Amino acid sequence: MKNILTIDVEDWFQVEALSETIDSNEWAGFKSRLLPNLLKILNLLQEKKVKATFFILGWIAERFPDLVLMIRHQGHEIASHGYAHRLVYRQDERSFEEDVAKSKTILEGITSEQVLGYRAPSFSIIPSCFWAYNVLARLNIRYDSSVFPVRHLSYGIPDAPRFPFTISVDGGKKIMEFPLSTIRICGQNFPVGGGGYLRLFPYAYTRWSIKSLNRENRRAIVYFHPWEIDPYQPKQRIRISGRIRQYANLSIMEDRIVRLLNDFDFGSIEEIWEMK
């Protein structure tokens, strides 16, 4: 069973947990730490012969076009993470369309290939902004991976389907949704998807959960960020919940990713979708 590996490409200062202290207008003044972290990830994926889907911020692609080309030339899929890492439910329809269109134009200008996929920053497509799917369809996005079927203070649709499903939008178009993985225990969904959950939960839980999904003939969808393998990133003074999500167990994350790639087979959404 081949699972799906996704990487959300953003720099350490662009994370939602830091938005209370760092404004997006200040981003250009911070030193990027993306390159060494991303090169580590690419080398690891090349060593393990794994292809992944990279959801890349347009702001990043605009400044590091060679990195985007390097990712694509190594056989990975390029998809959009929006331009400015703005939560969807804090935007209106017009600003959201401008943000995604800008990122898509930048990425397609670099690769000369159509961008088919999108993931919202912090999984921020929730019921109050389902209009986002109509926008994505207008922009010729064919799939989304923004839904997390869990209860969370900042995101989540707990009653959403737990496995890939299609969404009908205006004009008769359809968008494929690839929700982040969950495991169902005692009637509740628990997150499996990676990121902070891979860092904070015991690795045995992640391995058991993915094996359980695979035994049901279901593919896990896993994600992480380049900044999560960087324990030396500058630390910001933020509330304790944000500090835990942002900084806990960064020193063990690279080892967790290696174990994950050793224990399971992975591919990109592009690769898996073509297999269906």
Protein backbone atom coordinates (compact mmCIF):
# COMPACT_ATOMS: atom_id res chain seq x y z
CA MET A 1 0.00 0.00 0.00
CA LYS A 2 1.52 3.32 -1.11
CA ASN A 3 0.61 6.26 1.12
CA ILE A 4 0.70 9.95 0.21
CA LEU A 5 3.48 12.26 1.38
CA THR A 6 2.97 16.04 1.29
CA ILE A 7 5.26 18.89 2.33
CA ASP A 8 4.01 22.41 3.06
CA VAL A 9 6.80 24.75 1.97
CA GLU A 10 6.93 27.86 4.12
CA ASP A 11 9.68 29.53 6.14
CA TRP A 12 9.95 29.58 9.92
CA PHE A 13 8.56 33.12 10.25
CA GLN A 14 5.42 32.42 8.18
CA VAL A 15 3.75 29.96 10.52
CA GLU A 16 0.30 30.86 11.86
CA ALA A 17 1.44 30.35 15.47
CA LEU A 18 3.83 33.30 15.03
CA SER A 19 1.32 35.63 13.35
CA GLU A 20 0.53 37.29 16.70
CA THR A 21 4.10 38.67 16.82
CA ILE A 22 5.21 38.74 13.16
CA ASP A 23 3.21 40.58 10.50
CA SER A 24 3.47 39.42 6.88
CA ASN A 25 4.72 42.90 5.94
CA GLU A 26 7.82 42.12 8.03
CA TRP A 27 8.68 38.81 6.34
CA ALA A 28 11.24 40.29 3.97
CA GLY A 29 13.27 41.50 6.94
CA PHE A 30 13.85 38.01 8.37
CA LYS A 31 16.68 35.70 7.35
CA SER A 32 15.40 32.65 5.51
CA ARG A 33 16.36 29.23 6.86
CA LEU A 34 14.48 27.34 4.15
CA LEU A 35 17.30 26.26 1.82
CA PRO A 36 19.31 23.92 4.12
CA ASN A 37 16.15 22.35 5.52
CA LEU A 38 14.63 21.78 2.09
CA LEU A 39 17.88 20.35 0.70
CA LYS A 40 17.99 17.88 3.59
CA ILE A 41 14.46 16.78 2.79
CA LEU A 42 15.14 16.46 -0.94
CA ASN A 43 18.29 14.43 -0.31
CA LEU A 44 16.41 12.14 2.04
CA LEU A 45 13.57 11.61 -0.44
CA GLN A 46 16.08 10.93 -3.21
CA GLU A 47 17.90 8.39 -1.02
CA LYS A 48 14.62 6.61 -0.19
CA LYS A 49 13.35 6.91 -3.81
CA VAL A 50 10.18 8.67 -2.63
CA LYS A 51 8.17 11.24 -4.57
CA ALA A 52 6.04 13.79 -2.70
CA THR A 53 3.64 16.65 -3.32
CA PHE A 54 5.11 20.03 -2.34
CA PHE A 55 2.49 22.67 -1.49
CA ILE A 56 4.56 25.83 -1.99
CA LEU A 57 3.76 29.37 -0.87
CA GLY A 58 3.77 31.81 -3.77
CA TRP A 59 5.79 34.25 -1.63
CA ILE A 60 8.51 31.59 -1.33
CA ALA A 61 8.39 30.60 -5.02
CA GLU A 62 8.72 34.25 -6.04
CA ARG A 63 11.99 34.55 -4.12
CA PHE A 64 13.40 31.05 -4.66
CA PRO A 65 12.39 29.99 -8.19
CA ASP A 66 15.45 27.75 -8.49
CA LEU A 67 14.26 25.75 -5.48
CA VAL A 68 10.90 25.19 -7.15
CA LEU A 69 12.66 23.96 -10.29
CA MET A 70 14.92 21.70 -8.24
CA ILE A 71 11.90 20.12 -6.54
CA ARG A 72 10.19 19.53 -9.88
CA HIS A 73 13.32 18.26 -11.62
CA GLN A 74 13.64 15.60 -8.91
CA GLY A 75 10.21 14.29 -9.91
CA HIS A 76 8.08 15.79 -7.14
CA GLU A 77 4.71 17.42 -7.69
CA ILE A 78 4.35 21.21 -7.39
CA ALA A 79 1.08 22.45 -5.87
CA SER A 80 -0.14 25.72 -4.33
CA HIS A 81 -0.21 26.70 -0.66
CA GLY A 82 -1.59 30.13 -1.55
CA TYR A 83 0.59 33.23 -1.76
CA ALA A 84 0.69 34.93 1.64
CA HIS A 85 -0.26 32.16 4.09
CA ARG A 86 -3.56 33.82 4.99
CA LEU A 87 -6.25 31.68 6.61
CA VAL A 88 -9.13 31.16 4.20
CA TYR A 89 -11.85 31.91 6.76
CA ARG A 90 -10.28 35.31 7.43
CA GLN A 91 -10.58 36.31 3.77
CA ASP A 92 -13.50 37.14 1.53
CA GLU A 93 -14.07 35.43 -1.80
CA ARG A 94 -12.33 38.10 -3.84
CA SER A 95 -9.16 38.30 -1.74
CA PHE A 96 -8.94 34.51 -1.61
CA GLU A 97 -9.17 34.27 -5.39
CA GLU A 98 -6.48 36.91 -5.81
CA ASP A 99 -4.19 35.10 -3.35
CA VAL A 100 -4.51 31.66 -4.96
CA ALA A 101 -4.39 33.03 -8.52
CA LYS A 102 -1.18 34.92 -7.71
CA SER A 103 0.50 31.82 -6.30
CA LYS A 104 -0.66 29.68 -9.23
CA THR A 105 0.64 32.20 -11.78
CA ILE A 106 4.05 32.32 -10.09
CA LEU A 107 4.41 28.54 -9.83
CA GLU A 108 3.24 27.90 -13.39
CA GLY A 109 5.56 30.62 -14.67
CA ILE A 110 8.50 28.83 -13.07
CA THR A 111 7.67 25.25 -14.08
CA SER A 112 5.74 25.87 -17.34
CA GLU A 113 3.27 23.27 -16.06
CA GLN A 114 -0.30 23.56 -14.80
CA VAL A 115 -0.75 23.55 -11.03
CA LEU A 116 -3.55 21.11 -10.21
CA GLY A 117 -3.57 21.05 -6.40
CA TYR A 118 -4.10 23.42 -3.48
CA ARG A 119 -3.81 23.24 0.31
CA ALA A 120 -5.08 26.02 2.55
CA PRO A 121 -2.73 27.42 5.21
CA SER A 122 -3.47 25.69 8.52
CA PHE A 123 -6.22 23.58 6.89
CA SER A 124 -8.45 26.66 7.04
CA ILE A 125 -11.28 25.60 4.73
CA ILE A 126 -14.17 25.12 7.15
CA PRO A 127 -17.98 25.17 6.63
CA SER A 128 -18.19 28.97 6.81
CA CYS A 129 -16.03 29.31 3.71
CA PHE A 130 -17.11 26.44 1.44
CA TRP A 131 -17.34 29.12 -1.26
CA ALA A 132 -13.59 28.49 -1.59
CA TYR A 133 -14.29 25.41 -3.71
CA ASN A 134 -16.07 27.51 -6.34
CA VAL A 135 -13.05 29.81 -6.44
CA LEU A 136 -10.65 26.88 -6.82
CA ALA A 137 -12.75 25.50 -9.67
CA ARG A 138 -12.68 28.87 -11.45
CA LEU A 139 -8.89 28.78 -11.21
CA ASN A 140 -8.81 25.26 -12.72
CA ILE A 141 -7.60 23.64 -9.51
CA ARG A 142 -8.55 19.98 -9.78
CA TYR A 143 -7.96 18.84 -6.20
CA ASP A 144 -7.74 20.22 -2.70
CA SER A 145 -6.15 18.87 0.48
CA SER A 146 -7.32 21.30 3.15
CA VAL A 147 -9.90 19.36 5.16
CA PHE A 148 -8.91 17.84 8.49
CA PRO A 149 -11.82 15.76 9.88
CA VAL A 150 -11.03 16.58 13.54
CA ARG A 151 -12.12 18.98 16.26
CA HIS A 152 -9.55 21.74 16.71
CA LEU A 153 -9.68 25.32 17.97
CA SER A 154 -8.31 26.75 14.70
CA TYR A 155 -9.49 24.35 12.00
CA GLY A 156 -11.24 21.07 11.28
CA ILE A 157 -14.52 19.63 10.00
CA PRO A 158 -15.13 16.68 12.35
CA ASP A 159 -18.05 15.26 10.36
CA ALA A 160 -16.31 15.47 6.96
CA PRO A 161 -15.59 12.21 5.10
CA ARG A 162 -12.31 10.75 6.31
CA PHE A 163 -11.15 9.53 2.90
CA PRO A 164 -10.89 11.13 -0.57
CA PHE A 165 -14.21 12.36 -1.95
CA THR A 166 -15.49 14.62 -4.72
CA ILE A 167 -17.16 18.01 -4.27
CA SER A 168 -19.59 19.38 -6.87
CA VAL A 169 -19.23 23.11 -7.50
CA ASP A 170 -20.90 25.75 -9.67
CA GLY A 171 -20.93 25.06 -13.38
CA GLY A 172 -21.04 21.30 -12.97
CA LYS A 173 -17.33 21.00 -12.15
CA LYS A 174 -15.97 18.64 -9.52
CA ILE A 175 -13.00 18.96 -7.20
CA MET A 176 -11.36 16.00 -5.52
CA GLU A 177 -10.76 16.47 -1.79
CA PHE A 178 -7.90 14.62 -0.10
CA PRO A 179 -8.56 15.03 3.65
CA LEU A 180 -5.71 14.64 6.12
CA SER A 181 -5.63 11.26 7.78
CA THR A 182 -7.42 10.34 10.96
CA ILE A 183 -7.98 7.14 12.91
CA ARG A 184 -11.36 6.47 14.52
CA ILE A 185 -11.31 5.42 18.18
CA CYS A 186 -14.45 5.11 20.34
CA GLY A 187 -16.49 7.02 17.81
CA GLN A 188 -14.07 9.98 17.61
CA ASN A 189 -11.56 10.98 14.93
CA PHE A 190 -7.95 11.37 16.03
CA PRO A 191 -5.31 13.03 13.81
CA VAL A 192 -2.62 10.95 12.15
CA GLY A 193 -1.48 13.38 9.48
CA GLY A 194 2.03 14.29 10.60
CA GLY A 195 3.35 17.77 11.37
CA GLY A 196 2.97 18.56 15.06
CA TYR A 197 1.14 15.27 15.59
CA LEU A 198 4.19 13.36 14.33
CA ARG A 199 6.45 15.39 16.63
CA LEU A 200 4.28 15.39 19.76
CA PHE A 201 2.62 11.96 19.77
CA PRO A 202 4.66 8.78 20.35
CA TYR A 203 5.95 7.39 17.06
CA ALA A 204 4.32 4.06 17.92
CA TYR A 205 0.92 5.79 17.65
CA THR A 206 1.68 7.09 14.15
CA ARG A 207 2.98 3.74 12.96
CA TRP A 208 0.01 1.84 14.42
CA SER A 209 -2.47 4.30 12.91
CA ILE A 210 -1.02 4.14 9.41
CA LYS A 211 -0.84 0.36 9.57
CA SER A 212 -4.47 0.26 10.67
CA LEU A 213 -5.50 2.45 7.72
CA ASN A 214 -3.51 0.32 5.30
CA ARG A 215 -5.11 -2.87 6.64
CA GLU A 216 -8.45 -1.29 5.70
CA ASN A 217 -7.04 -0.69 2.22
CA ARG A 218 -6.89 3.05 2.91
CA ARG A 219 -3.94 5.30 2.13
CA ALA A 220 -2.62 7.64 4.79
CA ILE A 221 -2.00 11.27 3.84
CA VAL A 222 0.98 12.63 5.78
CA TYR A 223 2.40 16.16 5.89
CA PHE A 224 5.21 18.13 7.47
CA HIS A 225 7.07 21.45 7.02
CA PRO A 226 10.78 22.13 6.34
CA TRP A 227 11.03 24.29 9.49
CA GLU A 228 10.07 21.26 11.59
CA ILE A 229 13.53 19.72 11.17
CA ASP A 230 15.27 22.92 12.31
CA PRO A 231 15.72 23.01 16.12
CA TYR A 232 17.95 26.11 15.87
CA GLN A 233 15.36 28.43 14.31
CA PRO A 234 14.93 31.77 16.12
CA LYS A 235 12.52 31.43 19.05
CA GLN A 236 9.72 33.97 19.42
CA ARG A 237 7.85 34.97 22.58
CA ILE A 238 4.36 33.61 21.99
CA ARG A 239 1.66 32.08 24.16
CA ILE A 240 2.43 28.64 25.59
CA SER A 241 0.09 26.70 23.29
CA GLY A 242 1.84 28.21 20.28
CA ARG A 243 5.29 27.48 21.73
CA ILE A 244 4.41 23.82 22.14
CA ARG A 245 3.06 23.52 18.58
CA GLN A 246 5.98 25.43 17.11
CA TYR A 247 9.02 24.28 19.04
CA ALA A 248 8.37 20.98 20.84
CA ASN A 249 10.45 18.02 19.66
CA LEU A 250 12.03 19.77 16.67
CA SER A 251 15.28 17.96 17.46
CA ILE A 252 13.68 14.53 16.90
CA MET A 253 11.57 15.34 13.84
CA GLU A 254 14.16 14.42 11.21
CA ASP A 255 14.60 11.01 12.82
CA ARG A 256 10.81 10.56 12.91
CA ILE A 257 10.61 11.30 9.18
CA VAL A 258 13.38 8.80 8.44
CA ARG A 259 11.56 6.13 10.45
CA LEU A 260 8.34 6.90 8.62
CA LEU A 261 10.01 6.53 5.22
CA ASN A 262 11.64 3.28 6.32
CA ASP A 263 8.39 1.81 7.64
CA PHE A 264 6.01 2.78 4.81
CA ASP A 265 5.86 3.36 1.07
CA PHE A 266 4.92 6.87 -0.09
CA GLY A 267 4.14 8.73 -3.29
CA SER A 268 2.78 12.09 -4.41
CA ILE A 269 -0.91 12.88 -4.96
CA GLU A 270 -0.12 13.23 -8.65
CA GLU A 271 1.40 9.74 -8.71
CA ILE A 272 -1.35 8.08 -6.65
CA TRP A 273 -4.15 9.79 -8.54
CA GLU A 274 -2.81 8.45 -11.84
CA MET A 275 -2.82 4.94 -10.34
CA LYS A 276 -6.57 5.04 -9.68
